[in-house]
């Protein structure tokens, strides 16, 4: 285990306890989420070191690392995935000047990467999990690497870089964002999707909110902390967009954690309310269960 003594966003060293959450997926250990007194950033602290985190991903319930549909949660996930992939492709095409080179960081089994490659993009990917990486390589070829440190990526720059629910997992977060800045073309687009602890479903489920997902989720980004972090590395958030289906999926998992079984009615009601309260209305920014950030260089 390692303990951070400085906030990853502002560098200050005064924190308070925000919430204690359980790892319901693998270890059932308790992990503390702390909040920086200065910038209000939320982060899991203490946390497994990068060399220790691997075993916390070793579960068939970690759906993004396999394509099986053996239970209700994985069937729901897989049934929605194909639709959301097409929505992601439309989003990328809308917010980039042209179809060119794309790097999908944390590509899992390569579902999105292969689909956008078929759409005309020249795609590279990274995936640390060897099993998922092997599946992705079968889908898009040998341009899927273990990490952004791969020698093959060193001299490349990309028209688009995507991180779909990945940034919250990255230990070396500031170094990674510096890398993103160096490898994104001047007019390129960075797309980051992360859970939102300010959403209605986060408030409704509290310590049972599935998107805390400790200790795999090292950071818990609000809109303000995301803008602060990216701004300190030469980026600017241009737009925020919702991920409508996440509220239902996260709510289903959250009821399972709280009641030991999925409550469909509660999940649907909370998901709908979260999307309703998180919609764009009256000039307010998106505040849904998960948020997509469209990011450009300053």
Protein backbone atom coordinates (compact mmCIF):
# COMPACT_ATOMS: atom_id res chain seq x y z
CA UNK A 1 0.00 0.00 0.00
CA UNK A 2 1.08 3.55 -0.63
CA UNK A 3 -0.14 6.79 0.94
CA UNK A 4 -0.18 10.07 -0.95
CA UNK A 5 1.04 13.04 1.08
CA UNK A 6 0.23 15.62 -1.61
CA UNK A 7 -2.93 16.24 -3.59
CA UNK A 8 -2.44 15.08 -7.21
CA UNK A 9 -4.22 18.19 -8.49
CA UNK A 10 -3.00 21.14 -6.41
CA UNK A 11 -0.05 19.71 -4.47
CA UNK A 12 -1.37 20.70 -1.05
CA UNK A 13 -1.09 18.28 1.88
CA UNK A 14 -4.18 18.78 4.06
CA UNK A 15 -6.93 16.18 3.53
CA UNK A 16 -10.08 15.05 5.30
CA UNK A 17 -12.02 11.80 5.17
CA UNK A 18 -14.82 11.94 2.58
CA UNK A 19 -16.19 8.39 2.71
CA UNK A 20 -15.11 4.81 3.40
CA UNK A 21 -16.17 2.36 0.68
CA UNK A 22 -15.83 -1.38 0.22
CA UNK A 23 -14.26 -3.28 -2.67
CA UNK A 24 -17.32 -5.35 -3.57
CA UNK A 25 -15.74 -6.88 -6.69
CA UNK A 26 -12.66 -8.70 -5.38
CA UNK A 27 -11.23 -8.24 -1.90
CA UNK A 28 -14.13 -6.86 0.20
CA UNK A 29 -11.57 -4.66 1.95
CA UNK A 30 -12.47 -1.15 3.11
CA UNK A 31 -10.76 1.83 1.44
CA UNK A 32 -10.83 5.47 2.42
CA UNK A 33 -11.59 8.23 -0.05
CA UNK A 34 -10.09 11.54 1.07
CA UNK A 35 -10.84 15.09 0.00
CA UNK A 36 -8.26 17.84 -0.42
CA UNK A 37 -9.04 20.81 1.82
CA UNK A 38 -7.67 23.19 -0.80
CA UNK A 39 -9.15 22.13 -4.17
CA UNK A 40 -11.74 19.56 -2.97
CA UNK A 41 -10.28 16.78 -5.16
CA UNK A 42 -11.35 13.26 -4.14
CA UNK A 43 -8.88 10.38 -4.23
CA UNK A 44 -8.49 6.90 -2.75
CA UNK A 45 -5.83 7.13 -0.04
CA UNK A 46 -4.05 4.95 0.96
CA UNK A 47 -4.17 2.77 -2.13
CA UNK A 48 -2.41 -0.29 -3.59
CA UNK A 49 0.85 0.67 -5.29
CA UNK A 50 1.04 0.22 -9.04
CA UNK A 51 2.98 -3.01 -8.54
CA UNK A 52 0.25 -4.33 -6.19
CA UNK A 53 -2.94 -3.35 -8.03
CA UNK A 54 -3.08 -6.31 -10.46
CA UNK A 55 -4.86 -8.80 -8.17
CA UNK A 56 -7.69 -6.29 -7.60
CA UNK A 57 -8.66 -6.68 -11.28
CA UNK A 58 -8.73 -10.48 -11.20
CA UNK A 59 -12.45 -11.11 -11.30
CA UNK A 60 -14.95 -12.29 -13.92
CA UNK A 61 -17.15 -9.46 -12.67
CA UNK A 62 -14.70 -6.94 -14.15
CA UNK A 63 -16.67 -6.82 -17.37
CA UNK A 64 -14.48 -4.57 -19.54
CA UNK A 65 -11.75 -7.25 -19.57
CA UNK A 66 -13.90 -9.99 -21.14
CA UNK A 67 -16.82 -10.39 -23.54
CA UNK A 68 -18.73 -13.10 -21.68
CA UNK A 69 -22.40 -12.58 -20.86
CA UNK A 70 -22.94 -15.10 -18.07
CA UNK A 71 -25.06 -13.04 -15.65
CA UNK A 72 -27.59 -10.21 -15.68
CA UNK A 73 -25.03 -7.43 -15.28
CA UNK A 74 -22.80 -8.62 -18.12
CA UNK A 75 -25.83 -9.20 -20.39
CA UNK A 76 -27.04 -5.65 -19.75
CA UNK A 77 -23.53 -4.28 -20.30
CA UNK A 78 -23.04 -6.16 -23.57
CA UNK A 79 -26.50 -5.35 -24.93
CA UNK A 80 -25.98 -1.61 -24.46
CA UNK A 81 -22.34 -1.60 -25.57
CA UNK A 82 -22.93 -1.86 -29.33
CA UNK A 83 -25.29 1.13 -29.28
CA UNK A 84 -22.99 3.27 -27.15
CA UNK A 85 -20.01 2.44 -29.37
CA UNK A 86 -21.84 3.90 -32.36
CA UNK A 87 -22.67 7.00 -30.32
CA UNK A 88 -18.99 7.35 -29.38
CA UNK A 89 -17.95 7.12 -33.02
CA UNK A 90 -20.43 9.87 -33.96
CA UNK A 91 -19.05 12.00 -31.13
CA UNK A 92 -15.44 11.55 -32.27
CA UNK A 93 -16.27 12.35 -35.88
CA UNK A 94 -18.20 15.45 -34.83
CA UNK A 95 -15.44 16.88 -32.64
CA UNK A 96 -12.42 16.19 -34.84
CA UNK A 97 -11.46 17.96 -38.05
CA UNK A 98 -10.88 14.76 -40.02
CA UNK A 99 -10.63 11.00 -39.75
CA UNK A 100 -6.98 10.32 -39.03
CA UNK A 101 -4.97 8.62 -36.29
CA UNK A 102 -6.59 7.62 -33.00
CA UNK A 103 -5.16 6.15 -29.81
CA UNK A 104 -7.60 4.34 -27.52
CA UNK A 105 -5.94 4.11 -24.10
CA UNK A 106 -7.22 1.23 -21.97
CA UNK A 107 -9.02 -0.33 -24.94
CA UNK A 108 -10.06 -3.51 -23.10
CA UNK A 109 -11.04 -6.21 -25.58
CA UNK A 110 -11.03 -3.69 -28.44
CA UNK A 111 -14.75 -3.34 -29.16
CA UNK A 112 -14.67 0.43 -29.62
CA UNK A 113 -11.24 0.40 -31.27
CA UNK A 114 -12.28 -2.14 -33.91
CA UNK A 115 -15.55 -0.34 -34.63
CA UNK A 116 -13.95 3.05 -35.16
CA UNK A 117 -11.21 1.44 -37.23
CA UNK A 118 -13.96 0.08 -39.49
CA UNK A 119 -15.29 3.64 -39.65
CA UNK A 120 -12.09 4.78 -41.37
CA UNK A 121 -9.72 5.69 -38.54
CA UNK A 122 -6.11 4.50 -38.23
CA UNK A 123 -6.21 3.04 -34.72
CA UNK A 124 -3.66 2.18 -32.04
CA UNK A 125 -4.58 0.96 -28.57
CA UNK A 126 -3.12 0.22 -25.16
CA UNK A 127 -4.32 -2.36 -22.63
CA UNK A 128 -2.37 -3.58 -19.58
CA UNK A 129 -4.44 -6.73 -19.05
CA UNK A 130 -2.79 -9.44 -21.15
CA UNK A 131 -5.96 -11.46 -21.75
CA UNK A 132 -8.01 -8.48 -22.90
CA UNK A 133 -5.06 -7.22 -24.96
CA UNK A 134 -4.85 -10.53 -26.82
CA UNK A 135 -8.53 -10.26 -27.78
CA UNK A 136 -8.05 -6.65 -28.90
CA UNK A 137 -5.05 -7.63 -31.03
CA UNK A 138 -7.15 -10.21 -32.84
CA UNK A 139 -9.69 -7.49 -33.59
CA UNK A 140 -7.50 -4.60 -34.74
CA UNK A 141 -4.06 -6.14 -35.33
CA UNK A 142 -0.74 -5.88 -33.53
CA UNK A 143 -1.05 -2.13 -32.83
CA UNK A 144 -2.30 -2.78 -29.29
CA UNK A 145 0.43 -2.28 -26.71
CA UNK A 146 0.86 -2.84 -23.00
CA UNK A 147 1.04 0.88 -22.16
CA UNK A 148 1.70 4.35 -23.55
CA UNK A 149 5.37 3.72 -22.74
CA UNK A 150 5.65 1.32 -25.69
CA UNK A 151 8.51 2.27 -28.00
CA UNK A 152 6.18 2.11 -31.01
CA UNK A 153 4.21 5.09 -29.67
CA UNK A 154 7.17 7.29 -28.74
CA UNK A 155 7.35 9.37 -31.91
CA UNK A 156 3.66 9.35 -32.83
CA UNK A 157 1.10 12.14 -32.54
CA UNK A 158 -2.62 11.55 -32.84
CA UNK A 159 -5.65 13.40 -34.17
CA UNK A 160 -7.70 11.92 -31.32
CA UNK A 161 -6.93 10.20 -28.04
CA UNK A 162 -9.71 8.49 -26.11
CA UNK A 163 -9.86 7.32 -22.50
CA UNK A 164 -13.22 5.67 -21.80
CA UNK A 165 -13.37 5.20 -18.02
CA UNK A 166 -9.59 4.92 -17.80
CA UNK A 167 -8.12 8.08 -16.25
CA UNK A 168 -9.50 7.19 -12.81
CA UNK A 169 -7.31 4.04 -12.87
CA UNK A 170 -3.95 5.67 -13.71
CA UNK A 171 -1.38 5.83 -10.91
CA UNK A 172 1.01 8.30 -12.59
CA UNK A 173 -1.73 10.74 -13.45
CA UNK A 174 0.26 13.95 -13.94
CA UNK A 175 2.95 12.22 -15.97
CA UNK A 176 0.24 10.62 -18.10
CA UNK A 177 -1.48 13.93 -18.85
CA UNK A 178 1.88 15.43 -19.83
CA UNK A 179 2.30 12.48 -22.22
CA UNK A 180 -1.15 13.13 -23.66
CA UNK A 181 -0.24 16.76 -24.34
CA UNK A 182 2.99 15.77 -26.07
CA UNK A 183 1.32 13.13 -28.26
CA UNK A 184 -1.87 14.97 -29.25
CA UNK A 185 -1.63 17.01 -32.44
CA UNK A 186 -2.04 20.79 -31.99
CA UNK A 187 -5.62 20.70 -33.29
CA UNK A 188 -6.33 17.22 -31.94
CA UNK A 189 -9.12 16.16 -29.58
CA UNK A 190 -8.77 14.40 -26.24
CA UNK A 191 -11.88 12.57 -25.02
CA UNK A 192 -12.08 11.53 -21.36
CA UNK A 193 -15.04 9.76 -19.75
CA UNK A 194 -15.16 9.30 -15.97
CA UNK A 195 -17.76 8.74 -13.22
CA UNK A 196 -19.20 11.80 -11.52
CA UNK A 197 -19.42 11.74 -7.68
CA UNK A 198 -21.64 14.85 -7.78
CA UNK A 199 -24.45 12.99 -9.59
CA UNK A 200 -27.82 12.18 -8.08
CA UNK A 201 -27.13 8.43 -8.03
CA UNK A 202 -23.85 9.01 -6.16
CA UNK A 203 -25.75 10.94 -3.48
CA UNK A 204 -28.56 8.36 -3.38
CA UNK A 205 -26.29 5.34 -2.79
CA UNK A 206 -23.52 6.93 -0.72
CA UNK A 207 -20.84 4.43 0.26
CA UNK A 208 -22.60 1.79 -1.86
CA UNK A 209 -22.26 3.81 -5.08
CA UNK A 210 -20.71 1.31 -7.47
CA UNK A 211 -18.70 3.91 -9.40
CA UNK A 212 -16.43 4.54 -6.42
CA UNK A 213 -15.09 1.06 -7.31
CA UNK A 214 -12.23 1.20 -4.80
CA UNK A 215 -9.35 0.52 -5.01
CA UNK A 216 -9.36 0.28 -8.82
CA UNK A 217 -10.66 3.84 -9.07
CA UNK A 218 -7.84 5.91 -7.62
CA UNK A 219 -9.50 9.28 -8.32
CA UNK A 220 -13.07 10.57 -8.28
CA UNK A 221 -13.40 13.60 -10.55
CA UNK A 222 -15.87 16.43 -10.21
CA UNK A 223 -16.22 18.86 -13.11
CA UNK A 224 -14.19 21.47 -11.24
CA UNK A 225 -11.33 19.14 -10.29
CA UNK A 226 -11.12 17.81 -13.85
CA UNK A 227 -10.84 21.34 -15.24
CA UNK A 228 -8.18 22.23 -12.65
CA UNK A 229 -6.13 19.14 -13.38
CA UNK A 230 -6.27 19.42 -17.16
CA UNK A 231 -5.73 23.18 -17.06
CA UNK A 232 -2.48 22.75 -15.16
CA UNK A 233 -1.18 20.63 -18.07
CA UNK A 234 -2.07 22.95 -20.93
CA UNK A 235 -5.54 21.59 -21.74
CA UNK A 236 -8.96 23.21 -21.80
CA UNK A 237 -12.32 21.48 -21.39
CA UNK A 238 -14.46 22.66 -24.28
CA UNK A 239 -17.61 20.67 -23.64
CA UNK A 240 -19.17 18.16 -21.27
CA UNK A 241 -21.57 15.45 -22.47
CA UNK A 242 -23.68 12.85 -20.66
CA UNK A 243 -23.40 9.05 -20.63
CA UNK A 244 -27.09 8.32 -20.18
CA UNK A 245 -26.90 4.54 -19.73
CA UNK A 246 -24.29 4.67 -16.96
CA UNK A 247 -26.84 5.87 -14.40
CA UNK A 248 -28.89 2.68 -14.83
CA UNK A 249 -25.95 0.30 -14.91
CA UNK A 250 -24.30 1.92 -11.87
CA UNK A 251 -27.63 1.97 -10.03
CA UNK A 252 -28.14 -1.74 -10.66
CA UNK A 253 -24.72 -2.54 -9.24
CA UNK A 254 -25.27 -0.17 -6.31
CA UNK A 255 -28.52 -1.88 -5.28
CA UNK A 256 -26.72 -5.22 -5.50
CA UNK A 257 -24.03 -3.95 -3.15
CA UNK A 258 -26.52 -2.46 -0.71
CA UNK A 259 -29.16 -5.23 -0.68
CA UNK A 260 -27.14 -8.27 -1.87
CA UNK A 261 -29.38 -8.47 -4.94
CA UNK A 262 -30.30 -6.21 -7.84
CA UNK A 263 -33.39 -4.08 -7.32
CA UNK A 264 -34.65 -3.34 -10.84
CA UNK A 265 -37.36 -0.89 -9.78
CA UNK A 266 -35.04 1.15 -7.55
CA UNK A 267 -32.31 1.07 -10.20
CA UNK A 268 -34.64 2.33 -12.92
CA UNK A 269 -36.14 5.03 -10.70
CA UNK A 270 -32.77 6.29 -9.46
CA UNK A 271 -31.27 6.13 -12.95
CA UNK A 272 -34.09 8.15 -14.44
CA UNK A 273 -33.92 10.72 -11.67
CA UNK A 274 -30.14 10.99 -12.03
CA UNK A 275 -30.44 11.65 -15.75
CA UNK A 276 -33.30 14.10 -15.20
CA UNK A 277 -31.41 16.09 -12.58
CA UNK A 278 -28.18 15.85 -14.53
CA UNK A 279 -29.54 17.04 -17.87
CA UNK A 280 -28.58 20.35 -19.44
CA UNK A 281 -31.25 22.80 -18.32
CA UNK A 282 -31.33 26.51 -17.65
CA UNK A 283 -27.67 26.94 -18.49
CA UNK A 284 -26.50 24.33 -15.98
CA UNK A 285 -23.66 21.99 -16.92
CA UNK A 286 -24.14 18.24 -17.40
CA UNK A 287 -24.17 16.46 -14.03
CA UNK A 288 -25.03 12.85 -14.91
CA UNK A 289 -23.65 9.62 -13.42
CA UNK A 290 -20.71 9.72 -15.86
CA UNK A 291 -19.45 12.64 -17.90
CA UNK A 292 -17.58 12.82 -21.20
CA UNK A 293 -15.09 15.69 -21.42
CA UNK A 294 -14.18 17.05 -24.86
CA UNK A 295 -10.71 18.52 -24.41
CA UNK A 296 -8.38 20.60 -26.60
CA UNK A 297 -4.95 22.11 -26.12
CA UNK A 298 -4.96 25.71 -24.94
